[in-house]
Amino acid sequence: MEFNPNTLLTDILKAYPDLPNKLIKIDERFNVLKTPIGKMMIKGKTIADASKTVDVPVDELLKQLRELTK
């Protein structure tokens, strides 16, 4: 899967269902992705949106996602 700032978080989690456990290493706020409410909250949200939420530059988040999904 190719990641860019506009990639939807729901698409990423469908392709990589174990990713929330790995994303916690980047920022503990990603822990919300393991909850039903968190899954509802990310509908329509992109990598760029997540970058703002966890205060990680989008380029860094993209780099981390690529590494975590190898």
PDB file of N, CA and C in Angstrom:
ATOM      1  N   MET A   1       0.843  -1.167   0.000  1.00  0.00           N
ATOM      2  CA  MET A   1       0.000   0.000   0.000  1.00  0.00           C
ATOM      3  C   MET A   1       0.895   1.240   0.000  1.00  0.00           C
ATOM      4  N   GLU A   2       0.538   2.209  -0.809  1.00  0.00           N
ATOM      5  CA  GLU A   2       1.275   3.464  -0.891  1.00  0.00           C
ATOM      6  C   GLU A   2       0.674   4.469   0.078  1.00  0.00           C
ATOM      7  N   PHE A   3       1.516   5.088   0.889  1.00  0.00           N
ATOM      8  CA  PHE A   3       1.059   6.077   1.857  1.00  0.00           C
ATOM      9  C   PHE A   3       1.377   7.482   1.373  1.00  0.00           C
ATOM     10  N   ASN A   4       0.441   8.388   1.570  1.00  0.00           N
ATOM     11  CA  ASN A   4       0.656   9.808   1.321  1.00  0.00           C
ATOM     12  C   ASN A   4      -0.201  10.566   2.334  1.00  0.00           C
ATOM     13  N   PRO A   5      -0.040  11.880   2.446  1.00  0.00           N
ATOM     14  CA  PRO A   5      -0.797  12.619   3.461  1.00  0.00           C
ATOM     15  C   PRO A   5      -2.309  12.453   3.365  1.00  0.00           C
ATOM     16  N   ASN A   6      -2.825  12.106   2.190  1.00  0.00           N
ATOM     17  CA  ASN A   6      -4.267  11.978   2.001  1.00  0.00           C
ATOM     18  C   ASN A   6      -4.794  10.551   2.166  1.00  0.00           C
ATOM     19  N   THR A   7      -3.931   9.609   2.492  1.00  0.00           N
ATOM     20  CA  THR A   7      -4.358   8.232   2.691  1.00  0.00           C
ATOM     21  C   THR A   7      -5.270   8.162   3.916  1.00  0.00           C
ATOM     22  N   LEU A   8      -6.404   7.511   3.757  1.00  0.00           N
ATOM     23  CA  LEU A   8      -7.359   7.386   4.858  1.00  0.00           C
ATOM     24  C   LEU A   8      -6.868   6.388   5.904  1.00  0.00           C
ATOM     25  N   LEU A   9      -7.027   6.760   7.156  1.00  0.00           N
ATOM     26  CA  LEU A   9      -6.614   5.876   8.242  1.00  0.00           C
ATOM     27  C   LEU A   9      -7.397   4.566   8.229  1.00  0.00           C
ATOM     28  N   THR A  10      -8.671   4.632   7.867  1.00  0.00           N
ATOM     29  CA  THR A  10      -9.471   3.397   7.831  1.00  0.00           C
ATOM     30  C   THR A  10      -8.929   2.421   6.788  1.00  0.00           C
ATOM     31  N   ASP A  11      -8.451   2.938   5.664  1.00  0.00           N
ATOM     32  CA  ASP A  11      -7.873   2.066   4.631  1.00  0.00           C
ATOM     33  C   ASP A  11      -6.593   1.409   5.132  1.00  0.00           C
ATOM     34  N   ILE A  12      -5.793   2.176   5.860  1.00  0.00           N
ATOM     35  CA  ILE A  12      -4.538   1.632   6.397  1.00  0.00           C
ATOM     36  C   ILE A  12      -4.837   0.530   7.399  1.00  0.00           C
ATOM     37  N   LEU A  13      -5.792   0.771   8.285  1.00  0.00           N
ATOM     38  CA  LEU A  13      -6.103  -0.228   9.316  1.00  0.00           C
ATOM     39  C   LEU A  13      -6.748  -1.477   8.737  1.00  0.00           C
ATOM     40  N   LYS A  14      -7.457  -1.338   7.631  1.00  0.00           N
ATOM     41  CA  LYS A  14      -7.997  -2.525   6.955  1.00  0.00           C
ATOM     42  C   LYS A  14      -6.862  -3.373   6.391  1.00  0.00           C
ATOM     43  N   ALA A  15      -5.871  -2.716   5.821  1.00  0.00           N
ATOM     44  CA  ALA A  15      -4.741  -3.429   5.223  1.00  0.00           C
ATOM     45  C   ALA A  15      -3.772  -3.970   6.272  1.00  0.00           C
ATOM     46  N   TYR A  16      -3.668  -3.274   7.404  1.00  0.00           N
ATOM     47  CA  TYR A  16      -2.726  -3.646   8.457  1.00  0.00           C
ATOM     48  C   TYR A  16      -3.443  -3.636   9.814  1.00  0.00           C
ATOM     49  N   PRO A  17      -4.241  -4.650  10.105  1.00  0.00           N
ATOM     50  CA  PRO A  17      -5.045  -4.642  11.330  1.00  0.00           C
ATOM     51  C   PRO A  17      -4.228  -4.633  12.629  1.00  0.00           C
ATOM     52  N   ASP A  18      -2.975  -5.049  12.578  1.00  0.00           N
ATOM     53  CA  ASP A  18      -2.146  -5.053  13.784  1.00  0.00           C
ATOM     54  C   ASP A  18      -1.401  -3.729  13.988  1.00  0.00           C
ATOM     55  N   LEU A  19      -1.583  -2.794  13.088  1.00  0.00           N
ATOM     56  CA  LEU A  19      -0.851  -1.536  13.136  1.00  0.00           C
ATOM     57  C   LEU A  19      -1.095  -0.702  14.396  1.00  0.00           C
ATOM     58  N   PRO A  20      -2.298  -0.652  14.967  1.00  0.00           N
ATOM     59  CA  PRO A  20      -2.463   0.158  16.183  1.00  0.00           C
ATOM     60  C   PRO A  20      -1.478  -0.201  17.296  1.00  0.00           C
ATOM     61  N   ASN A  21      -1.168  -1.472  17.443  1.00  0.00           N
ATOM     62  CA  ASN A  21      -0.196  -1.885  18.465  1.00  0.00           C
ATOM     63  C   ASN A  21       1.186  -1.319  18.181  1.00  0.00           C
ATOM     64  N   LYS A  22       1.528  -1.171  16.926  1.00  0.00           N
ATOM     65  CA  LYS A  22       2.834  -0.640  16.547  1.00  0.00           C
ATOM     66  C   LYS A  22       2.873   0.886  16.601  1.00  0.00           C
ATOM     67  N   LEU A  23       1.755   1.521  16.285  1.00  0.00           N
ATOM     68  CA  LEU A  23       1.705   2.982  16.270  1.00  0.00           C
ATOM     69  C   LEU A  23       1.887   3.581  17.663  1.00  0.00           C
ATOM     70  N   ILE A  24       1.580   2.832  18.676  1.00  0.00           N
ATOM     71  CA  ILE A  24       1.738   3.313  20.045  1.00  0.00           C
ATOM     72  C   ILE A  24       3.203   3.670  20.313  1.00  0.00           C
ATOM     73  N   LYS A  25       4.124   3.033  19.599  1.00  0.00           N
ATOM     74  CA  LYS A  25       5.549   3.350  19.759  1.00  0.00           C
ATOM     75  C   LYS A  25       5.854   4.765  19.278  1.00  0.00           C
ATOM     76  N   ILE A  26       5.081   5.266  18.338  1.00  0.00           N
ATOM     77  CA  ILE A  26       5.266   6.628  17.835  1.00  0.00           C
ATOM     78  C   ILE A  26       4.676   7.616  18.833  1.00  0.00           C
ATOM     79  N   ASP A  27       3.456   7.345  19.274  1.00  0.00           N
ATOM     80  CA  ASP A  27       2.777   8.217  20.230  1.00  0.00           C
ATOM     81  C   ASP A  27       1.668   7.424  20.912  1.00  0.00           C
ATOM     82  N   GLU A  28       1.602   7.519  22.219  1.00  0.00           N
ATOM     83  CA  GLU A  28       0.616   6.745  22.975  1.00  0.00           C
ATOM     84  C   GLU A  28      -0.821   7.128  22.642  1.00  0.00           C
ATOM     85  N   ARG A  29      -1.030   8.306  22.070  1.00  0.00           N
ATOM     86  CA  ARG A  29      -2.392   8.709  21.713  1.00  0.00           C
ATOM     87  C   ARG A  29      -2.982   7.819  20.620  1.00  0.00           C
ATOM     88  N   PHE A  30      -2.138   7.087  19.904  1.00  0.00           N
ATOM     89  CA  PHE A  30      -2.649   6.143  18.908  1.00  0.00           C
ATOM     90  C   PHE A  30      -3.360   4.967  19.564  1.00  0.00           C
ATOM     91  N   ASN A  31      -3.241   4.846  20.867  1.00  0.00           N
ATOM     92  CA  ASN A  31      -3.930   3.786  21.604  1.00  0.00           C
ATOM     93  C   ASN A  31      -5.440   3.837  21.381  1.00  0.00           C
ATOM     94  N   VAL A  32      -5.955   5.018  21.080  1.00  0.00           N
ATOM     95  CA  VAL A  32      -7.389   5.186  20.838  1.00  0.00           C
ATOM     96  C   VAL A  32      -7.865   4.347  19.647  1.00  0.00           C
ATOM     97  N   LEU A  33      -6.954   4.016  18.741  1.00  0.00           N
ATOM     98  CA  LEU A  33      -7.332   3.224  17.564  1.00  0.00           C
ATOM     99  C   LEU A  33      -7.754   1.808  17.922  1.00  0.00           C
ATOM    100  N   LYS A  34      -7.494   1.397  19.147  1.00  0.00           N
ATOM    101  CA  LYS A  34      -7.870   0.060  19.583  1.00  0.00           C
ATOM    102  C   LYS A  34      -9.285   0.018  20.154  1.00  0.00           C
ATOM    103  N   THR A  35      -9.913   1.180  20.284  1.00  0.00           N
ATOM    104  CA  THR A  35     -11.242   1.243  20.899  1.00  0.00           C
ATOM    105  C   THR A  35     -12.323   1.434  19.840  1.00  0.00           C
ATOM    106  N   PRO A  36     -13.529   0.985  20.118  1.00  0.00           N
ATOM    107  CA  PRO A  36     -14.624   1.196  19.159  1.00  0.00           C
ATOM    108  C   PRO A  36     -14.872   2.679  18.870  1.00  0.00           C
ATOM    109  N   ILE A  37     -14.803   3.503  19.899  1.00  0.00           N
ATOM    110  CA  ILE A  37     -15.014   4.945  19.689  1.00  0.00           C
ATOM    111  C   ILE A  37     -13.907   5.519  18.812  1.00  0.00           C
ATOM    112  N   GLY A  38     -12.686   5.102  19.070  1.00  0.00           N
ATOM    113  CA  GLY A  38     -11.560   5.572  18.261  1.00  0.00           C
ATOM    114  C   GLY A  38     -11.720   5.190  16.804  1.00  0.00           C
ATOM    115  N   LYS A  39     -12.206   3.987  16.562  1.00  0.00           N
ATOM    116  CA  LYS A  39     -12.421   3.540  15.183  1.00  0.00           C
ATOM    117  C   LYS A  39     -13.491   4.372  14.497  1.00  0.00           C
ATOM    118  N   MET A  40     -14.486   4.804  15.261  1.00  0.00           N
ATOM    119  CA  MET A  40     -15.526   5.668  14.683  1.00  0.00           C
ATOM    120  C   MET A  40     -14.978   7.068  14.420  1.00  0.00           C
ATOM    121  N   MET A  41     -14.122   7.543  15.310  1.00  0.00           N
ATOM    122  CA  MET A  41     -13.586   8.894  15.199  1.00  0.00           C
ATOM    123  C   MET A  41     -12.682   9.078  13.982  1.00  0.00           C
ATOM    124  N   ILE A  42     -12.059   8.008  13.511  1.00  0.00           N
ATOM    125  CA  ILE A  42     -11.104   8.161  12.406  1.00  0.00           C
ATOM    126  C   ILE A  42     -11.752   8.076  11.027  1.00  0.00           C
ATOM    127  N   LYS A  43     -13.028   7.807  10.967  1.00  0.00           N
ATOM    128  CA  LYS A  43     -13.685   7.742   9.657  1.00  0.00           C
ATOM    129  C   LYS A  43     -13.516   9.065   8.934  1.00  0.00           C
ATOM    130  N   GLY A  44     -12.985   8.996   7.738  1.00  0.00           N
ATOM    131  CA  GLY A  44     -12.757  10.184   6.929  1.00  0.00           C
ATOM    132  C   GLY A  44     -11.472  10.932   7.266  1.00  0.00           C
ATOM    133  N   LYS A  45     -10.727  10.455   8.267  1.00  0.00           N
ATOM    134  CA  LYS A  45      -9.480  11.115   8.665  1.00  0.00           C
ATOM    135  C   LYS A  45      -8.307  10.558   7.870  1.00  0.00           C
ATOM    136  N   THR A  46      -7.362  11.421   7.602  1.00  0.00           N
ATOM    137  CA  THR A  46      -6.189  11.067   6.800  1.00  0.00           C
ATOM    138  C   THR A  46      -4.928  11.028   7.662  1.00  0.00           C
ATOM    139  N   ILE A  47      -3.841  10.623   7.040  1.00  0.00           N
ATOM    140  CA  ILE A  47      -2.541  10.656   7.714  1.00  0.00           C
ATOM    141  C   ILE A  47      -2.213  12.090   8.128  1.00  0.00           C
ATOM    142  N   ALA A  48      -2.528  13.055   7.288  1.00  0.00           N
ATOM    143  CA  ALA A  48      -2.277  14.458   7.624  1.00  0.00           C
ATOM    144  C   ALA A  48      -3.068  14.863   8.869  1.00  0.00           C
ATOM    145  N   ASP A  49      -4.303  14.403   8.983  1.00  0.00           N
ATOM    146  CA  ASP A  49      -5.106  14.696  10.166  1.00  0.00           C
ATOM    147  C   ASP A  49      -4.479  14.067  11.414  1.00  0.00           C
ATOM    148  N   ALA A  50      -4.041  12.836  11.295  1.00  0.00           N
ATOM    149  CA  ALA A  50      -3.411  12.148  12.427  1.00  0.00           C
ATOM    150  C   ALA A  50      -2.125  12.858  12.837  1.00  0.00           C
ATOM    151  N   SER A  51      -1.387  13.344  11.867  1.00  0.00           N
ATOM    152  CA  SER A  51      -0.154  14.071  12.138  1.00  0.00           C
ATOM    153  C   SER A  51      -0.416  15.279  13.032  1.00  0.00           C
ATOM    154  N   LYS A  52      -1.460  16.005  12.721  1.00  0.00           N
ATOM    155  CA  LYS A  52      -1.818  17.179  13.528  1.00  0.00           C
ATOM    156  C   LYS A  52      -2.263  16.770  14.927  1.00  0.00           C
ATOM    157  N   THR A  53      -3.033  15.699  15.007  1.00  0.00           N
ATOM    158  CA  THR A  53      -3.577  15.253  16.286  1.00  0.00           C
ATOM    159  C   THR A  53      -2.481  14.844  17.258  1.00  0.00           C
ATOM    160  N   VAL A  54      -1.487  14.113  16.767  1.00  0.00           N
ATOM    161  CA  VAL A  54      -0.428  13.623  17.657  1.00  0.00           C
ATOM    162  C   VAL A  54       0.809  14.509  17.629  1.00  0.00           C
ATOM    163  N   ASP A  55       0.747  15.601  16.875  1.00  0.00           N
ATOM    164  CA  ASP A  55       1.840  16.569  16.815  1.00  0.00           C
ATOM    165  C   ASP A  55       3.158  15.939  16.363  1.00  0.00           C
ATOM    166  N   VAL A  56       3.050  15.127  15.306  1.00  0.00           N
ATOM    167  CA  VAL A  56       4.216  14.531  14.652  1.00  0.00           C
ATOM    168  C   VAL A  56       4.199  15.038  13.215  1.00  0.00           C
ATOM    169  N   PRO A  57       5.307  15.601  12.738  1.00  0.00           N
ATOM    170  CA  PRO A  57       5.314  16.090  11.354  1.00  0.00           C
ATOM    171  C   PRO A  57       4.861  14.999  10.380  1.00  0.00           C
ATOM    172  N   VAL A  58       4.092  15.392   9.386  1.00  0.00           N
ATOM    173  CA  VAL A  58       3.512  14.423   8.455  1.00  0.00           C
ATOM    174  C   VAL A  58       4.594  13.597   7.764  1.00  0.00           C
ATOM    175  N   ASP A  59       5.713  14.214   7.396  1.00  0.00           N
ATOM    176  CA  ASP A  59       6.786  13.454   6.751  1.00  0.00           C
ATOM    177  C   ASP A  59       7.357  12.384   7.671  1.00  0.00           C
ATOM    178  N   GLU A  60       7.483  12.724   8.945  1.00  0.00           N
ATOM    179  CA  GLU A  60       7.983  11.757   9.918  1.00  0.00           C
ATOM    180  C   GLU A  60       6.977  10.627  10.122  1.00  0.00           C
ATOM    181  N   LEU A  61       5.710  10.967  10.192  1.00  0.00           N
ATOM    182  CA  LEU A  61       4.675   9.943  10.368  1.00  0.00           C
ATOM    183  C   LEU A  61       4.633   9.014   9.158  1.00  0.00           C
ATOM    184  N   LEU A  62       4.746   9.570   7.973  1.00  0.00           N
ATOM    185  CA  LEU A  62       4.790   8.744   6.759  1.00  0.00           C
ATOM    186  C   LEU A  62       5.989   7.791   6.796  1.00  0.00           C
ATOM    187  N   LYS A  63       7.130   8.308   7.183  1.00  0.00           N
ATOM    188  CA  LYS A  63       8.342   7.484   7.272  1.00  0.00           C
ATOM    189  C   LYS A  63       8.132   6.335   8.270  1.00  0.00           C
ATOM    190  N   GLN A  64       7.582   6.665   9.431  1.00  0.00           N
ATOM    191  CA  GLN A  64       7.332   5.642  10.450  1.00  0.00           C
ATOM    192  C   GLN A  64       6.334   4.586   9.965  1.00  0.00           C
ATOM    193  N   LEU A  65       5.277   5.035   9.295  1.00  0.00           N
ATOM    194  CA  LEU A  65       4.285   4.088   8.776  1.00  0.00           C
ATOM    195  C   LEU A  65       4.912   3.136   7.773  1.00  0.00           C
ATOM    196  N   ARG A  66       5.737   3.665   6.913  1.00  0.00           N
ATOM    197  CA  ARG A  66       6.405   2.808   5.913  1.00  0.00           C
ATOM    198  C   ARG A  66       7.285   1.776   6.586  1.00  0.00           C
ATOM    199  N   GLU A  67       7.992   2.182   7.642  1.00  0.00           N
ATOM    200  CA  GLU A  67       8.860   1.254   8.362  1.00  0.00           C
ATOM    201  C   GLU A  67       8.042   0.191   9.103  1.00  0.00           C
ATOM    202  N   LEU A  68       6.961   0.622   9.720  1.00  0.00           N
ATOM    203  CA  LEU A  68       6.144  -0.313  10.508  1.00  0.00           C
ATOM    204  C   LEU A  68       5.361  -1.311   9.648  1.00  0.00           C
ATOM    205  N   THR A  69       5.184  -1.015   8.378  1.00  0.00           N
ATOM    206  CA  THR A  69       4.385  -1.903   7.524  1.00  0.00           C
ATOM    207  C   THR A  69       5.223  -2.669   6.501  1.00  0.00           C
ATOM    208  N   LYS A  70       6.509  -2.700   6.707  1.00  0.00           N
ATOM    209  CA  LYS A  70       7.379  -3.471   5.798  1.00  0.00           C
ATOM    210  C   LYS A  70       7.123  -4.940   5.941  1.00  0.00           C
TER     211      LYS A  70
END
